Amino acid sequence: MNPAPPRSAGLGRPAGLDRRAGAAGPAVARLVGVLAGLAAVLATATPAAAHGGESPDGTDYRAEVTGVAPARPGLTARVVEGGARLELVNRTGRPIEVIGYTGEPYLRVGPDGVYENSRSPATYLNRTLAGDTALPAQADPAAAPDWRRVGDGPTARWHDRRARWQESAPPAVVRADPTREQRVRDWVVPLRDGAEPVEIRGTLDWVPPPDAYPWWVAATLGFLLVGSAGLLAAGTPLGARALAGAGAALAAGGVAAIVFTVGRELDAGATGVGGVLLGLLGGQIWALLTGLGALAAGGYALARRPAADFALALAGACLALFAGVTNVAVLARSVPPLPWPGGLARTLLVLILATGAGATAAGLLRLRAAAHPAVPAPAEPVRG
């Protein structure tokens, strides 16, 4: 007669199952601790996650530059950071001045770099998106300019209230019919090329916000679909395929996060591979790392490596928090902080949220199942 399998004291389970449960139990506890830490980091780091700390997560006002008049070869302007800033690039070989709100010299952009006038009130009002900086005593638009160098290249970017809607309430024309896209105003930012006046001309339009409900429904359904992979037994062929499926979904979410993050840098004015990389490392490092981490963890799960469940849950939580939750305003804003249509931006974000949260759920369910495996019923004794 074969000896009975070894059993742990008082539990009636095979020793092998107890060893696997003992390994999974601490893993669940560690993961819960890590997720709590991530939530705390998110609560304190969210404002700094945006590009430069000032880039909006979306808006319903679309600002566009229509041209520079009269045209100057080598002088270009555009709106960046979802309408938060204007960008002026001067490759004319001579300095161009940006004029402040009361007609005073504000910025000087030229071949020797970018300078700001410390006497201009615009220097202080434009330091924040809200324009609420208190003016120091030295801010005197009638005084002679006091130029201070603030940049090396021929490019200047600044907040400018002339190109934005500053009030919390919509304008009267929008309140009368908020469901229709309409012009709020045409705007002008004056420049000076030597003694000649030049203008940056543009438009500001109201674009009705989208209905966020269908996007949240799509994110929820995706979460349930990916998360359901954790309900299948890990030791079965179907469970192994479910793990691979969750890994593939998480990898797709990681790619979406990387694309979304690169898009934010492009919209912030970054040009060239070097400029994008510098911007990513300087202002979008958390989102970039979580996208790369999700991609790596997805490949880890696809390869069915040991501890794949833990990697799936941890990387999914990071993806959902640092690349998803921090950008949820995009679902309810018509103009996203990306250089692409709003529908594409919302699709990317739904993919990030669904796969990140779904992978977290799938990983936790699989870890919990490993910590509490099902115990087979004892066999009936054979009666002779």
Protein backbone atom coordinates (compact mmCIF):
# COMPACT_ATOMS: atom_id res chain seq x y z
CA MET A 1 0.00 0.00 0.00
CA ASN A 2 1.38 3.47 -0.96
CA PRO A 3 2.12 5.80 1.96
CA ALA A 4 -0.20 8.74 2.44
CA PRO A 5 1.16 12.08 1.17
CA PRO A 6 2.71 14.32 3.83
CA ARG A 7 0.24 16.75 5.34
CA SER A 8 0.69 19.97 7.24
CA ALA A 9 -0.39 19.83 10.83
CA GLY A 10 -4.11 20.31 11.36
CA LEU A 11 -4.92 21.51 7.84
CA GLY A 12 -5.16 18.31 5.87
CA ARG A 13 -3.34 19.73 2.81
CA PRO A 14 -0.35 18.33 0.98
CA ALA A 15 2.95 19.91 2.01
CA GLY A 16 3.63 21.09 -1.57
CA LEU A 17 0.47 23.18 -1.56
CA ASP A 18 1.42 24.71 1.77
CA ARG A 19 4.82 25.70 0.42
CA ARG A 20 3.22 27.44 -2.59
CA ALA A 21 0.67 29.15 -0.34
CA GLY A 22 3.42 30.24 2.00
CA ALA A 23 5.26 31.85 -0.91
CA ALA A 24 2.16 33.58 -2.28
CA GLY A 25 0.91 34.92 1.05
CA PRO A 26 3.86 37.25 1.66
CA ALA A 27 3.77 38.27 -2.00
CA VAL A 28 0.20 39.51 -1.58
CA ALA A 29 1.16 41.40 1.56
CA ARG A 30 4.16 42.98 -0.17
CA LEU A 31 2.05 43.98 -3.14
CA VAL A 32 -0.58 45.61 -0.94
CA GLY A 33 2.19 47.57 0.80
CA VAL A 34 3.69 48.66 -2.50
CA LEU A 35 0.29 49.76 -3.85
CA ALA A 36 -0.36 51.79 -0.70
CA GLY A 37 3.01 53.47 -1.18
CA LEU A 38 2.23 54.19 -4.82
CA ALA A 39 -1.08 55.78 -3.85
CA ALA A 40 0.76 58.03 -1.39
CA VAL A 41 3.35 58.99 -4.02
CA LEU A 42 0.59 59.74 -6.52
CA ALA A 43 -1.19 61.99 -4.03
CA THR A 44 1.93 64.11 -3.59
CA ALA A 45 3.43 63.89 -7.08
CA THR A 46 0.45 64.48 -9.36
CA PRO A 47 0.92 68.27 -9.73
CA ALA A 48 4.57 67.78 -10.67
CA ALA A 49 3.78 65.07 -13.19
CA ALA A 50 2.49 67.57 -15.73
CA HIS A 51 5.00 69.12 -18.11
CA GLY A 52 6.59 72.03 -16.31
CA GLY A 53 3.98 71.70 -13.54
CA GLU A 54 1.62 73.94 -15.57
CA SER A 55 0.47 72.00 -18.60
CA PRO A 56 -3.30 71.44 -18.43
CA ASP A 57 -4.74 67.93 -18.75
CA GLY A 58 -7.22 69.21 -21.31
CA THR A 59 -9.39 72.18 -22.14
CA ASP A 60 -12.54 73.07 -24.06
CA TYR A 61 -10.96 76.15 -25.65
CA ARG A 62 -8.90 75.66 -28.80
CA ALA A 63 -6.26 78.34 -29.39
CA GLU A 64 -4.52 78.48 -32.76
CA VAL A 65 -1.99 80.77 -34.41
CA THR A 66 -3.18 81.88 -37.83
CA GLY A 67 0.02 83.65 -38.81
CA VAL A 68 2.66 86.33 -38.28
CA ALA A 69 1.87 89.63 -39.99
CA PRO A 70 3.66 90.99 -41.81
CA ALA A 71 5.46 87.73 -42.49
CA ARG A 72 9.11 87.50 -41.57
CA PRO A 73 11.23 84.66 -43.04
CA GLY A 74 12.62 82.68 -40.11
CA LEU A 75 10.04 83.96 -37.61
CA THR A 76 7.36 81.42 -36.61
CA ALA A 77 4.84 81.10 -33.79
CA ARG A 78 2.50 78.39 -32.55
CA VAL A 79 0.42 77.36 -29.54
CA VAL A 80 1.86 74.59 -27.34
CA GLU A 81 0.93 72.66 -24.18
CA GLY A 82 -2.76 72.38 -24.96
CA GLY A 83 -3.10 76.14 -25.34
CA ALA A 84 -1.21 76.95 -22.13
CA ARG A 85 1.72 78.69 -23.86
CA LEU A 86 2.76 80.51 -26.99
CA GLU A 87 6.02 79.62 -28.70
CA LEU A 88 8.05 82.05 -30.78
CA VAL A 89 11.03 80.84 -32.81
CA ASN A 90 13.27 83.56 -34.22
CA ARG A 91 15.78 82.52 -36.87
CA THR A 92 15.92 85.90 -38.60
CA GLY A 93 19.37 86.67 -37.22
CA ARG A 94 18.17 89.82 -35.41
CA PRO A 95 16.36 90.35 -32.09
CA ILE A 96 12.57 90.42 -31.96
CA GLU A 97 10.73 91.90 -28.97
CA VAL A 98 7.46 90.58 -27.54
CA ILE A 99 5.34 93.43 -26.20
CA GLY A 100 3.66 93.13 -22.80
CA TYR A 101 0.12 93.93 -21.70
CA THR A 102 0.66 97.69 -21.29
CA GLY A 103 2.82 98.22 -24.38
CA GLU A 104 6.17 97.69 -22.65
CA PRO A 105 8.99 95.42 -23.90
CA TYR A 106 8.48 92.01 -22.28
CA LEU A 107 10.70 89.45 -24.04
CA ARG A 108 13.62 89.77 -26.44
CA VAL A 109 14.33 86.74 -28.62
CA GLY A 110 17.36 86.73 -30.86
CA PRO A 111 20.52 84.97 -31.96
CA ASP A 112 22.14 85.60 -28.55
CA GLY A 113 19.31 83.94 -26.60
CA VAL A 114 16.10 84.86 -24.81
CA TYR A 115 15.88 87.79 -22.37
CA GLU A 116 13.03 88.97 -20.18
CA ASN A 117 12.49 92.50 -18.94
CA SER A 118 12.41 92.46 -15.13
CA ARG A 119 10.55 95.81 -15.26
CA SER A 120 7.65 94.38 -17.27
CA PRO A 121 4.54 93.34 -15.30
CA ALA A 122 4.04 90.56 -17.88
CA THR A 123 7.27 88.92 -16.66
CA TYR A 124 5.55 88.14 -13.35
CA LEU A 125 1.94 87.72 -14.48
CA ASN A 126 2.98 85.11 -17.04
CA ARG A 127 4.90 82.93 -14.61
CA THR A 128 1.79 80.91 -13.78
CA LEU A 129 -1.09 79.73 -15.90
CA ALA A 130 -3.56 81.53 -13.64
CA GLY A 131 -1.60 84.80 -13.86
CA ASP A 132 -1.95 85.40 -10.13
CA THR A 133 1.64 86.31 -9.22
CA ALA A 134 1.89 89.44 -7.08
CA LEU A 135 3.78 92.25 -8.82
CA PRO A 136 7.00 93.39 -7.11
CA ALA A 137 7.83 97.05 -6.63
CA GLN A 138 10.32 96.94 -9.52
CA ALA A 139 7.58 96.08 -12.03
CA ASP A 140 7.18 99.42 -13.80
CA PRO A 141 6.19 99.35 -17.47
CA ALA A 142 7.25 103.00 -17.87
CA ALA A 143 10.80 102.32 -16.69
CA ALA A 144 13.70 101.55 -19.02
CA PRO A 145 13.98 97.79 -19.72
CA ASP A 146 16.23 95.73 -17.46
CA TRP A 147 17.04 92.66 -19.55
CA ARG A 148 17.87 89.36 -17.87
CA ARG A 149 18.92 86.31 -19.86
CA VAL A 150 16.62 83.29 -19.38
CA GLY A 151 17.42 81.06 -22.36
CA ASP A 152 20.22 80.16 -24.77
CA GLY A 153 18.42 79.32 -28.00
CA PRO A 154 16.20 81.26 -30.41
CA THR A 155 12.97 79.88 -28.90
CA ALA A 156 10.77 81.46 -26.23
CA ARG A 157 7.66 79.91 -24.64
CA TRP A 158 5.41 81.81 -22.30
CA HIS A 159 1.88 81.96 -20.86
CA ASP A 160 -0.10 84.72 -22.53
CA ARG A 161 -3.58 85.64 -21.37
CA ARG A 162 -4.37 87.26 -24.71
CA ALA A 163 -4.47 83.80 -26.32
CA ARG A 164 -6.50 82.08 -23.56
CA TRP A 165 -9.81 82.36 -21.79
CA GLN A 166 -8.91 83.25 -18.20
CA GLU A 167 -12.33 83.35 -16.56
CA SER A 168 -13.83 80.35 -14.74
CA ALA A 169 -17.24 80.95 -16.34
CA PRO A 170 -17.62 80.57 -20.13
CA PRO A 171 -18.16 83.70 -22.25
CA ALA A 172 -21.68 84.89 -22.92
CA VAL A 173 -21.81 83.47 -26.45
CA VAL A 174 -20.92 80.03 -25.09
CA ARG A 175 -23.42 80.20 -22.25
CA ALA A 176 -26.11 80.99 -24.80
CA ASP A 177 -25.37 77.78 -26.75
CA PRO A 178 -22.68 75.54 -25.19
CA THR A 179 -23.46 72.63 -27.52
CA ARG A 180 -22.13 74.38 -30.63
CA GLU A 181 -18.52 75.01 -31.63
CA GLN A 182 -18.06 78.75 -31.96
CA ARG A 183 -15.54 81.56 -32.09
CA VAL A 184 -14.80 83.25 -28.77
CA ARG A 185 -12.48 85.91 -30.15
CA ASP A 186 -9.62 86.72 -32.47
CA TRP A 187 -6.46 87.66 -30.61
CA VAL A 188 -3.24 89.51 -31.31
CA VAL A 189 0.14 89.51 -29.54
CA PRO A 190 2.24 92.50 -30.69
CA LEU A 191 5.93 92.14 -31.55
CA ARG A 192 8.59 94.60 -32.59
CA ASP A 193 11.28 93.99 -35.21
CA GLY A 194 13.61 96.93 -34.62
CA ALA A 195 11.29 99.89 -35.13
CA GLU A 196 8.70 97.95 -37.17
CA PRO A 197 5.55 96.52 -35.56
CA VAL A 198 4.73 92.85 -36.16
CA GLU A 199 1.84 90.75 -34.83
CA ILE A 200 1.18 87.14 -33.91
CA ARG A 201 -2.44 86.61 -34.92
CA GLY A 202 -4.67 83.80 -33.76
CA THR A 203 -8.11 82.56 -32.84
CA LEU A 204 -9.76 81.17 -29.72
CA ASP A 205 -12.70 78.81 -30.21
CA TRP A 206 -15.05 77.00 -27.85
CA VAL A 207 -15.26 73.28 -28.61
CA PRO A 208 -18.09 71.45 -26.75
CA PRO A 209 -16.74 68.78 -24.39
CA PRO A 210 -17.40 65.12 -25.20
CA ASP A 211 -19.67 62.84 -23.21
CA ALA A 212 -17.31 60.99 -20.88
CA TYR A 213 -19.85 58.25 -20.03
CA PRO A 214 -19.21 55.96 -23.06
CA TRP A 215 -15.47 56.18 -22.46
CA TRP A 216 -15.85 55.16 -18.81
CA VAL A 217 -18.09 52.27 -19.88
CA ALA A 218 -15.43 51.13 -22.36
CA ALA A 219 -12.73 51.36 -19.68
CA THR A 220 -14.87 49.37 -17.22
CA LEU A 221 -15.64 46.63 -19.74
CA GLY A 222 -11.97 46.37 -20.65
CA PHE A 223 -11.04 46.15 -16.97
CA LEU A 224 -13.52 43.32 -16.42
CA LEU A 225 -12.30 41.46 -19.49
CA VAL A 226 -8.61 41.62 -18.55
CA GLY A 227 -9.28 41.09 -14.86
CA SER A 228 -11.30 37.94 -15.52
CA ALA A 229 -8.04 36.21 -16.50
CA GLY A 230 -7.35 35.92 -12.80
CA LEU A 231 -10.42 33.74 -12.26
CA LEU A 232 -8.98 30.81 -14.21
CA ALA A 233 -6.93 28.23 -12.34
CA ALA A 234 -3.21 28.94 -12.73
CA GLY A 235 -2.19 25.29 -13.00
CA THR A 236 -4.32 24.53 -16.05
CA PRO A 237 -3.64 25.11 -19.76
CA LEU A 238 -6.57 27.55 -19.86
CA GLY A 239 -5.13 29.45 -16.91
CA ALA A 240 -1.73 29.64 -18.62
CA ARG A 241 -3.33 31.06 -21.75
CA ALA A 242 -5.27 33.56 -19.61
CA LEU A 243 -1.99 34.73 -18.03
CA ALA A 244 -0.49 35.20 -21.48
CA GLY A 245 -3.57 37.13 -22.59
CA ALA A 246 -3.39 39.45 -19.59
CA GLY A 247 0.32 39.96 -20.29
CA ALA A 248 -0.38 40.87 -23.90
CA ALA A 249 -3.08 43.33 -22.82
CA LEU A 250 -0.73 44.93 -20.28
CA ALA A 251 2.00 45.24 -22.92
CA ALA A 252 -0.50 46.99 -25.23
CA GLY A 253 -1.37 49.37 -22.39
CA GLY A 254 2.32 50.07 -21.89
CA VAL A 255 2.73 50.95 -25.56
CA ALA A 256 -0.33 53.24 -25.31
CA ALA A 257 1.20 54.96 -22.27
CA ILE A 258 4.49 55.54 -24.08
CA VAL A 259 2.68 56.95 -27.13
CA PHE A 260 0.52 59.18 -24.91
CA THR A 261 3.56 60.46 -23.00
CA VAL A 262 5.54 61.18 -26.16
CA GLY A 263 2.47 62.98 -27.51
CA ARG A 264 2.42 65.27 -24.47
CA GLU A 265 6.04 66.19 -25.09
CA LEU A 266 5.40 66.88 -28.77
CA ASP A 267 2.46 69.08 -27.82
CA ALA A 268 4.69 70.88 -25.31
CA GLY A 269 6.94 71.96 -28.18
CA ALA A 270 9.67 69.30 -28.13
CA THR A 271 11.31 68.76 -31.51
CA GLY A 272 13.65 66.03 -32.68
CA VAL A 273 14.56 62.82 -30.91
CA GLY A 274 16.92 64.61 -28.53
CA GLY A 275 14.33 67.22 -27.59
CA VAL A 276 11.66 64.60 -26.93
CA LEU A 277 14.01 62.47 -24.81
CA LEU A 278 15.13 65.49 -22.81
CA GLY A 279 11.52 66.48 -22.18
CA LEU A 280 10.55 62.94 -21.18
CA LEU A 281 13.39 62.66 -18.69
CA GLY A 282 12.73 66.12 -17.29
CA GLY A 283 8.96 66.23 -16.96
CA GLN A 284 7.34 62.89 -17.82
CA ILE A 285 9.67 60.40 -16.20
CA TRP A 286 7.03 58.60 -14.09
CA ALA A 287 4.66 58.09 -17.00
CA LEU A 288 7.52 56.93 -19.23
CA LEU A 289 8.84 54.45 -16.66
CA THR A 290 5.40 52.99 -15.99
CA GLY A 291 4.82 52.50 -19.71
CA LEU A 292 8.15 50.74 -20.10
CA GLY A 293 7.52 48.72 -16.94
CA ALA A 294 4.13 47.58 -18.19
CA LEU A 295 5.68 46.54 -21.49
CA ALA A 296 8.37 44.53 -19.67
CA ALA A 297 5.91 42.93 -17.23
CA GLY A 298 3.62 42.00 -20.10
CA GLY A 299 6.48 40.19 -21.81
CA TYR A 300 7.33 38.53 -18.49
CA ALA A 301 3.78 37.20 -18.22
CA LEU A 302 3.75 36.11 -21.85
CA ALA A 303 6.87 34.04 -21.14
CA ARG A 304 5.10 32.56 -18.07
CA ARG A 305 8.09 33.29 -15.89
CA PRO A 306 8.10 32.78 -12.12
CA ALA A 307 6.49 35.63 -10.15
CA ALA A 308 4.67 36.76 -13.30
CA ASP A 309 1.50 37.28 -11.25
CA PHE A 310 3.27 39.72 -8.92
CA ALA A 311 4.83 41.60 -11.85
CA LEU A 312 1.47 41.75 -13.60
CA ALA A 313 -0.28 43.26 -10.57
CA LEU A 314 2.47 45.74 -9.71
CA ALA A 315 3.09 47.01 -13.24
CA GLY A 316 -0.65 47.22 -13.89
CA ALA A 317 -1.20 49.33 -10.77
CA CYS A 318 1.63 51.69 -11.72
CA LEU A 319 0.23 52.01 -15.24
CA ALA A 320 -3.29 52.76 -14.04
CA LEU A 321 -2.11 55.29 -11.44
CA PHE A 322 0.76 57.17 -13.06
CA ALA A 323 -0.31 57.06 -16.71
CA GLY A 324 -4.08 56.69 -16.36
CA VAL A 325 -5.51 58.43 -13.29
CA THR A 326 -3.25 61.47 -13.76
CA ASN A 327 -4.78 62.04 -17.22
CA VAL A 328 -8.47 61.21 -16.66
CA ALA A 329 -9.49 64.80 -17.44
CA VAL A 330 -8.84 63.96 -21.10
CA LEU A 331 -12.04 61.89 -21.14
CA ALA A 332 -14.16 64.98 -20.49
CA ARG A 333 -12.20 67.62 -22.45
CA SER A 334 -12.49 68.35 -26.14
CA VAL A 335 -8.91 69.58 -26.63
CA PRO A 336 -6.35 67.13 -25.15
CA PRO A 337 -2.70 68.05 -24.46
CA LEU A 338 -1.62 65.99 -27.47
CA PRO A 339 -1.08 66.94 -31.11
CA TRP A 340 -3.74 64.45 -32.22
CA PRO A 341 -7.55 64.35 -32.36
CA GLY A 342 -9.41 64.06 -29.07
CA GLY A 343 -10.90 60.69 -30.02
CA LEU A 344 -7.45 59.15 -30.41
CA ALA A 345 -6.26 60.60 -27.09
CA ARG A 346 -9.30 59.20 -25.27
CA THR A 347 -8.86 55.79 -26.91
CA LEU A 348 -5.26 55.63 -25.70
CA LEU A 349 -6.31 56.62 -22.19
CA VAL A 350 -9.11 54.03 -22.05
CA LEU A 351 -6.61 51.36 -23.11
CA ILE A 352 -4.21 52.48 -20.37
CA LEU A 353 -6.89 52.48 -17.66
CA ALA A 354 -8.52 49.19 -18.70
CA THR A 355 -5.33 47.19 -19.10
CA GLY A 356 -3.62 48.67 -16.05
CA ALA A 357 -6.53 48.12 -13.66
CA GLY A 358 -7.41 44.77 -15.28
CA ALA A 359 -3.86 43.44 -14.98
CA THR A 360 -3.79 44.50 -11.33
CA ALA A 361 -7.01 42.62 -10.64
CA ALA A 362 -5.86 39.54 -12.56
CA GLY A 363 -2.53 39.44 -10.74
CA LEU A 364 -4.13 39.87 -7.32
CA LEU A 365 -6.71 37.16 -7.99
CA ARG A 366 -4.03 34.72 -9.10
CA LEU A 367 -1.87 35.53 -6.07
CA ARG A 368 -4.84 35.07 -3.77
CA ALA A 369 -5.68 31.72 -5.39
CA ALA A 370 -2.08 30.59 -4.90
CA ALA A 371 -2.19 31.64 -1.26
CA HIS A 372 -5.47 29.77 -0.66
CA PRO A 373 -5.52 26.77 -3.00
CA ALA A 374 -8.57 24.59 -3.17
CA VAL A 375 -8.28 21.49 -1.00
CA PRO A 376 -9.54 18.29 -2.61
CA ALA A 377 -12.10 16.35 -0.63
CA PRO A 378 -10.66 13.29 1.14
CA ALA A 379 -11.24 10.04 -0.68
CA GLU A 380 -13.83 7.67 0.73
CA PRO A 381 -12.24 4.71 2.45
CA VAL A 382 -12.44 1.47 0.50
CA ARG A 383 -14.59 -1.00 2.30
CA GLY A 384 -13.47 -4.61 2.01
